[in-house]
Amino acid sequence: MKQLLTVLMICIGSVVFAQSSNNVDVTISGQTSREQLAQMRKDLNAQGILFNYAPQFDNDRRLISIQYKFSTADNVLIGQGKHETLQQAGANVMIHVNPNTKFFAEEKNVAPSK
């Protein structure tokens, strides 16, 4: 019985690890182009993550702000957010998404790290 319990715990641990190891990281900055956003959407979609976004660009085609939403392929919301100061030097947002665990985290930077 003790061996069966040990094997069961190992199997459960392996499943949890397998699900949580599907993390996807996305970084968006003021230098991110429309084409790069479209490629991110395509790459994320291939991994079962829907990436919807509403960007705003200035007259020089630089990204100044963005709203974003991440969902699973069956439209379960994983997370959403926005960054409104991407025009500042060094500003970016790093987004961490996991479609299996529905994990979402974002780190917004508005100044370059020193």
N, C-alpha and C. Protein backbone atom coordinates (compact mmCIF):
# COMPACT_ATOMS: atom_id res chain seq x y z
N MET A 1 0.82 -1.19 0.00
CA MET A 1 0.00 0.00 0.00
C MET A 1 0.87 1.26 0.00
N LYS A 2 1.96 1.23 0.77
CA LYS A 2 2.86 2.38 0.84
C LYS A 2 3.50 2.63 -0.52
N GLN A 3 3.86 1.56 -1.24
CA GLN A 3 4.46 1.70 -2.56
C GLN A 3 3.46 2.28 -3.56
N LEU A 4 2.22 1.85 -3.46
CA LEU A 4 1.17 2.36 -4.35
C LEU A 4 0.97 3.85 -4.13
N LEU A 5 0.96 4.28 -2.88
CA LEU A 5 0.80 5.68 -2.56
C LEU A 5 1.98 6.50 -3.09
N THR A 6 3.18 5.97 -2.97
CA THR A 6 4.38 6.65 -3.48
C THR A 6 4.31 6.81 -4.99
N VAL A 7 3.94 5.75 -5.69
CA VAL A 7 3.82 5.80 -7.15
C VAL A 7 2.74 6.81 -7.55
N LEU A 8 1.62 6.82 -6.85
CA LEU A 8 0.54 7.76 -7.14
C LEU A 8 1.01 9.20 -6.96
N MET A 9 1.74 9.49 -5.90
CA MET A 9 2.23 10.84 -5.64
C MET A 9 3.23 11.26 -6.72
N ILE A 10 4.07 10.34 -7.18
CA ILE A 10 5.03 10.66 -8.25
C ILE A 10 4.28 10.98 -9.54
N CYS A 11 3.25 10.22 -9.85
CA CYS A 11 2.47 10.47 -11.07
C CYS A 11 1.77 11.82 -11.00
N ILE A 12 1.16 12.13 -9.87
CA ILE A 12 0.48 13.42 -9.72
C ILE A 12 1.48 14.56 -9.84
N GLY A 13 2.63 14.43 -9.20
CA GLY A 13 3.67 15.45 -9.30
C GLY A 13 4.15 15.65 -10.72
N SER A 14 4.27 14.59 -11.48
CA SER A 14 4.71 14.69 -12.87
C SER A 14 3.68 15.42 -13.72
N VAL A 15 2.41 15.15 -13.50
CA VAL A 15 1.35 15.83 -14.25
C VAL A 15 1.35 17.32 -13.94
N VAL A 16 1.46 17.68 -12.68
CA VAL A 16 1.48 19.09 -12.29
C VAL A 16 2.69 19.78 -12.92
N PHE A 17 3.85 19.14 -12.87
CA PHE A 17 5.04 19.72 -13.47
C PHE A 17 4.86 19.89 -14.97
N ALA A 18 4.32 18.91 -15.64
CA ALA A 18 4.13 18.97 -17.09
C ALA A 18 3.20 20.12 -17.45
N GLN A 19 2.14 20.31 -16.67
CA GLN A 19 1.21 21.40 -16.96
C GLN A 19 1.84 22.76 -16.70
N SER A 20 2.62 22.87 -15.64
CA SER A 20 3.16 24.17 -15.29
C SER A 20 4.39 24.53 -16.12
N SER A 21 4.97 23.60 -16.85
CA SER A 21 6.16 23.90 -17.63
C SER A 21 5.83 24.48 -19.00
N ASN A 22 4.57 24.76 -19.28
CA ASN A 22 4.15 25.30 -20.56
C ASN A 22 4.09 26.83 -20.52
N ASN A 23 4.99 27.46 -19.76
CA ASN A 23 5.00 28.92 -19.64
C ASN A 23 5.44 29.56 -20.94
N VAL A 24 4.80 30.67 -21.26
CA VAL A 24 5.15 31.45 -22.45
C VAL A 24 5.43 32.87 -21.99
N ASP A 25 6.54 33.44 -22.43
CA ASP A 25 6.91 34.80 -22.09
C ASP A 25 6.81 35.68 -23.32
N VAL A 26 6.21 36.86 -23.14
CA VAL A 26 6.04 37.83 -24.22
C VAL A 26 6.58 39.16 -23.73
N THR A 27 7.39 39.83 -24.54
CA THR A 27 7.87 41.17 -24.20
C THR A 27 7.47 42.12 -25.31
N ILE A 28 6.85 43.24 -24.91
CA ILE A 28 6.40 44.25 -25.85
C ILE A 28 7.01 45.58 -25.41
N SER A 29 7.58 46.31 -26.38
CA SER A 29 8.17 47.62 -26.09
C SER A 29 7.71 48.62 -27.15
N GLY A 30 8.16 49.84 -27.00
CA GLY A 30 7.83 50.87 -27.98
C GLY A 30 8.40 50.58 -29.36
N GLN A 31 9.38 49.70 -29.45
CA GLN A 31 9.97 49.34 -30.74
C GLN A 31 9.28 48.14 -31.39
N THR A 32 8.30 47.56 -30.73
CA THR A 32 7.57 46.42 -31.28
C THR A 32 6.70 46.91 -32.45
N SER A 33 6.85 46.28 -33.59
CA SER A 33 6.11 46.68 -34.80
C SER A 33 4.79 45.93 -34.92
N ARG A 34 3.97 46.40 -35.84
CA ARG A 34 2.71 45.71 -36.15
C ARG A 34 2.99 44.28 -36.62
N GLU A 35 4.02 44.13 -37.41
CA GLU A 35 4.38 42.81 -37.93
C GLU A 35 4.80 41.88 -36.80
N GLN A 36 5.57 42.40 -35.85
CA GLN A 36 6.00 41.58 -34.71
C GLN A 36 4.80 41.18 -33.85
N LEU A 37 3.86 42.09 -33.64
CA LEU A 37 2.65 41.75 -32.88
C LEU A 37 1.87 40.65 -33.59
N ALA A 38 1.75 40.76 -34.90
CA ALA A 38 1.04 39.74 -35.68
C ALA A 38 1.75 38.39 -35.57
N GLN A 39 3.09 38.41 -35.60
CA GLN A 39 3.85 37.16 -35.46
C GLN A 39 3.68 36.58 -34.06
N MET A 40 3.66 37.44 -33.04
CA MET A 40 3.41 36.96 -31.66
C MET A 40 2.06 36.28 -31.58
N ARG A 41 1.04 36.90 -32.19
CA ARG A 41 -0.30 36.31 -32.19
C ARG A 41 -0.28 34.94 -32.83
N LYS A 42 0.40 34.82 -33.97
CA LYS A 42 0.47 33.55 -34.69
C LYS A 42 1.20 32.49 -33.86
N ASP A 43 2.34 32.87 -33.27
CA ASP A 43 3.13 31.92 -32.46
C ASP A 43 2.35 31.47 -31.22
N LEU A 44 1.68 32.41 -30.56
CA LEU A 44 0.90 32.06 -29.37
C LEU A 44 -0.28 31.17 -29.74
N ASN A 45 -0.92 31.47 -30.85
CA ASN A 45 -2.06 30.66 -31.30
C ASN A 45 -1.63 29.22 -31.53
N ALA A 46 -0.43 29.03 -32.06
CA ALA A 46 0.09 27.67 -32.28
C ALA A 46 0.29 26.92 -30.96
N GLN A 47 0.42 27.67 -29.86
CA GLN A 47 0.59 27.06 -28.54
C GLN A 47 -0.72 27.01 -27.75
N GLY A 48 -1.83 27.33 -28.41
CA GLY A 48 -3.13 27.23 -27.76
C GLY A 48 -3.51 28.47 -26.97
N ILE A 49 -2.86 29.60 -27.25
CA ILE A 49 -3.16 30.84 -26.55
C ILE A 49 -3.67 31.86 -27.56
N LEU A 50 -4.85 32.41 -27.30
CA LEU A 50 -5.37 33.48 -28.14
C LEU A 50 -4.85 34.80 -27.59
N PHE A 51 -4.24 35.62 -28.45
CA PHE A 51 -3.66 36.90 -28.08
C PHE A 51 -4.38 37.98 -28.87
N ASN A 52 -5.22 38.73 -28.18
CA ASN A 52 -5.92 39.85 -28.79
C ASN A 52 -5.33 41.13 -28.24
N TYR A 53 -5.19 42.13 -29.10
CA TYR A 53 -4.56 43.36 -28.67
C TYR A 53 -5.11 44.54 -29.44
N ALA A 54 -5.01 45.72 -28.82
CA ALA A 54 -5.41 46.98 -29.45
C ALA A 54 -4.25 47.95 -29.27
N PRO A 55 -3.39 48.07 -30.29
CA PRO A 55 -2.23 48.95 -30.18
C PRO A 55 -2.55 50.37 -30.62
N GLN A 56 -1.76 51.31 -30.12
CA GLN A 56 -1.81 52.69 -30.59
C GLN A 56 -0.39 53.07 -31.00
N PHE A 57 -0.26 53.59 -32.23
CA PHE A 57 1.03 53.99 -32.76
C PHE A 57 1.05 55.49 -32.98
N ASP A 58 2.25 56.09 -32.91
CA ASP A 58 2.36 57.51 -33.22
C ASP A 58 2.56 57.67 -34.73
N ASN A 59 2.79 58.91 -35.17
CA ASN A 59 2.93 59.18 -36.61
C ASN A 59 4.18 58.54 -37.21
N ASP A 60 5.15 58.21 -36.37
CA ASP A 60 6.37 57.55 -36.84
C ASP A 60 6.27 56.03 -36.74
N ARG A 61 5.07 55.53 -36.50
CA ARG A 61 4.78 54.09 -36.42
C ARG A 61 5.44 53.41 -35.23
N ARG A 62 5.68 54.18 -34.16
CA ARG A 62 6.21 53.60 -32.92
C ARG A 62 5.03 53.32 -31.99
N LEU A 63 5.09 52.19 -31.35
CA LEU A 63 4.03 51.78 -30.43
C LEU A 63 4.08 52.67 -29.18
N ILE A 64 2.95 53.32 -28.85
CA ILE A 64 2.91 54.18 -27.68
C ILE A 64 2.08 53.59 -26.55
N SER A 65 1.13 52.72 -26.88
CA SER A 65 0.35 52.04 -25.85
C SER A 65 -0.30 50.80 -26.46
N ILE A 66 -0.72 49.90 -25.57
CA ILE A 66 -1.35 48.67 -26.03
C ILE A 66 -2.25 48.11 -24.94
N GLN A 67 -3.38 47.59 -25.34
CA GLN A 67 -4.25 46.80 -24.47
C GLN A 67 -4.16 45.38 -24.98
N TYR A 68 -4.16 44.40 -24.08
CA TYR A 68 -3.99 43.01 -24.50
C TYR A 68 -4.82 42.08 -23.63
N LYS A 69 -5.13 40.95 -24.24
CA LYS A 69 -5.94 39.92 -23.58
C LYS A 69 -5.46 38.56 -24.05
N PHE A 70 -5.28 37.65 -23.10
CA PHE A 70 -4.85 36.29 -23.40
C PHE A 70 -5.94 35.33 -22.96
N SER A 71 -6.31 34.41 -23.85
CA SER A 71 -7.35 33.42 -23.56
C SER A 71 -6.89 32.06 -24.05
N THR A 72 -7.55 31.03 -23.55
CA THR A 72 -7.29 29.69 -24.06
C THR A 72 -8.00 29.53 -25.39
N ALA A 73 -7.72 28.44 -26.09
CA ALA A 73 -8.35 28.19 -27.38
C ALA A 73 -9.87 28.09 -27.27
N ASP A 74 -10.37 27.72 -26.08
CA ASP A 74 -11.83 27.64 -25.89
C ASP A 74 -12.36 28.91 -25.20
N ASN A 75 -11.65 30.02 -25.35
CA ASN A 75 -12.06 31.36 -24.90
C ASN A 75 -12.20 31.53 -23.39
N VAL A 76 -11.41 30.80 -22.61
CA VAL A 76 -11.35 31.03 -21.17
C VAL A 76 -10.28 32.10 -20.93
N LEU A 77 -10.66 33.19 -20.29
CA LEU A 77 -9.73 34.29 -20.05
C LEU A 77 -8.59 33.85 -19.15
N ILE A 78 -7.36 34.10 -19.60
CA ILE A 78 -6.18 33.85 -18.78
C ILE A 78 -5.77 35.14 -18.08
N GLY A 79 -5.76 36.25 -18.81
CA GLY A 79 -5.41 37.53 -18.21
C GLY A 79 -5.49 38.64 -19.24
N GLN A 80 -5.53 39.87 -18.73
CA GLN A 80 -5.58 41.02 -19.61
C GLN A 80 -4.92 42.21 -18.93
N GLY A 81 -4.53 43.19 -19.73
CA GLY A 81 -3.91 44.36 -19.16
C GLY A 81 -3.65 45.40 -20.23
N LYS A 82 -2.89 46.44 -19.83
CA LYS A 82 -2.53 47.48 -20.78
C LYS A 82 -1.27 48.18 -20.29
N HIS A 83 -0.59 48.81 -21.22
CA HIS A 83 0.59 49.62 -20.91
C HIS A 83 0.44 50.89 -21.73
N GLU A 84 0.41 52.02 -21.06
CA GLU A 84 0.12 53.28 -21.74
C GLU A 84 1.31 54.21 -21.90
N THR A 85 2.50 53.78 -21.52
CA THR A 85 3.67 54.66 -21.60
C THR A 85 4.82 54.02 -22.36
N LEU A 86 4.53 53.29 -23.41
CA LEU A 86 5.57 52.61 -24.17
C LEU A 86 6.44 53.57 -24.96
N GLN A 87 6.01 54.82 -25.11
CA GLN A 87 6.81 55.80 -25.84
C GLN A 87 8.02 56.27 -25.03
N GLN A 88 8.04 56.01 -23.73
CA GLN A 88 9.18 56.40 -22.91
C GLN A 88 10.36 55.48 -23.19
N ALA A 89 11.55 56.06 -23.16
CA ALA A 89 12.77 55.29 -23.43
C ALA A 89 12.88 54.13 -22.43
N GLY A 90 13.08 52.93 -22.95
CA GLY A 90 13.26 51.76 -22.10
C GLY A 90 11.98 51.14 -21.57
N ALA A 91 10.84 51.71 -21.88
CA ALA A 91 9.58 51.16 -21.37
C ALA A 91 9.24 49.87 -22.09
N ASN A 92 8.73 48.90 -21.33
CA ASN A 92 8.26 47.65 -21.92
C ASN A 92 7.34 46.95 -20.92
N VAL A 93 6.72 45.91 -21.40
CA VAL A 93 5.92 45.04 -20.53
C VAL A 93 6.32 43.60 -20.84
N MET A 94 6.63 42.86 -19.79
CA MET A 94 6.94 41.44 -19.92
C MET A 94 5.75 40.67 -19.35
N ILE A 95 5.20 39.79 -20.16
CA ILE A 95 4.00 39.06 -19.80
C ILE A 95 4.32 37.57 -19.75
N HIS A 96 3.88 36.92 -18.69
CA HIS A 96 4.09 35.48 -18.50
C HIS A 96 2.72 34.82 -18.51
N VAL A 97 2.53 33.85 -19.39
CA VAL A 97 1.24 33.19 -19.58
C VAL A 97 1.43 31.68 -19.58
N ASN A 98 0.50 30.96 -18.96
CA ASN A 98 0.48 29.51 -19.03
C ASN A 98 -0.96 29.07 -19.31
N PRO A 99 -1.22 28.53 -20.51
CA PRO A 99 -2.59 28.16 -20.85
C PRO A 99 -3.13 26.98 -20.04
N ASN A 100 -2.25 26.12 -19.52
CA ASN A 100 -2.71 24.96 -18.77
C ASN A 100 -3.15 25.33 -17.36
N THR A 101 -2.35 26.13 -16.69
CA THR A 101 -2.66 26.50 -15.31
C THR A 101 -3.45 27.80 -15.22
N LYS A 102 -3.65 28.48 -16.36
CA LYS A 102 -4.34 29.78 -16.45
C LYS A 102 -3.56 30.85 -15.66
N PHE A 103 -2.24 30.70 -15.63
CA PHE A 103 -1.38 31.65 -14.94
C PHE A 103 -1.12 32.85 -15.83
N PHE A 104 -1.18 34.05 -15.24
CA PHE A 104 -0.91 35.29 -15.96
C PHE A 104 -0.21 36.25 -15.02
N ALA A 105 0.88 36.82 -15.45
CA ALA A 105 1.58 37.85 -14.67
C ALA A 105 2.20 38.83 -15.65
N GLU A 106 2.30 40.07 -15.23
CA GLU A 106 2.93 41.08 -16.08
C GLU A 106 3.86 41.95 -15.25
N GLU A 107 4.93 42.37 -15.88
CA GLU A 107 5.89 43.27 -15.26
C GLU A 107 6.04 44.46 -16.19
N LYS A 108 5.65 45.63 -15.70
CA LYS A 108 5.74 46.84 -16.50
C LYS A 108 6.97 47.65 -16.10
N ASN A 109 7.73 48.03 -17.11
CA ASN A 109 8.90 48.87 -16.88
C ASN A 109 8.70 50.18 -17.64
N VAL A 110 8.98 51.29 -16.98
CA VAL A 110 8.82 52.59 -17.63
C VAL A 110 10.15 53.31 -17.80
N ALA A 111 11.23 52.74 -17.29
CA ALA A 111 12.55 53.35 -17.44
C ALA A 111 13.57 52.22 -17.64
N PRO A 112 14.66 52.51 -18.33
CA PRO A 112 15.65 51.45 -18.53
C PRO A 112 16.28 51.03 -17.22
N SER A 113 16.60 49.75 -17.11
CA SER A 113 17.27 49.27 -15.91
C SER A 113 18.74 49.65 -15.98
N LYS A 114 19.31 49.97 -14.83
CA LYS A 114 20.70 50.42 -14.79
C LYS A 114 21.57 49.40 -14.14
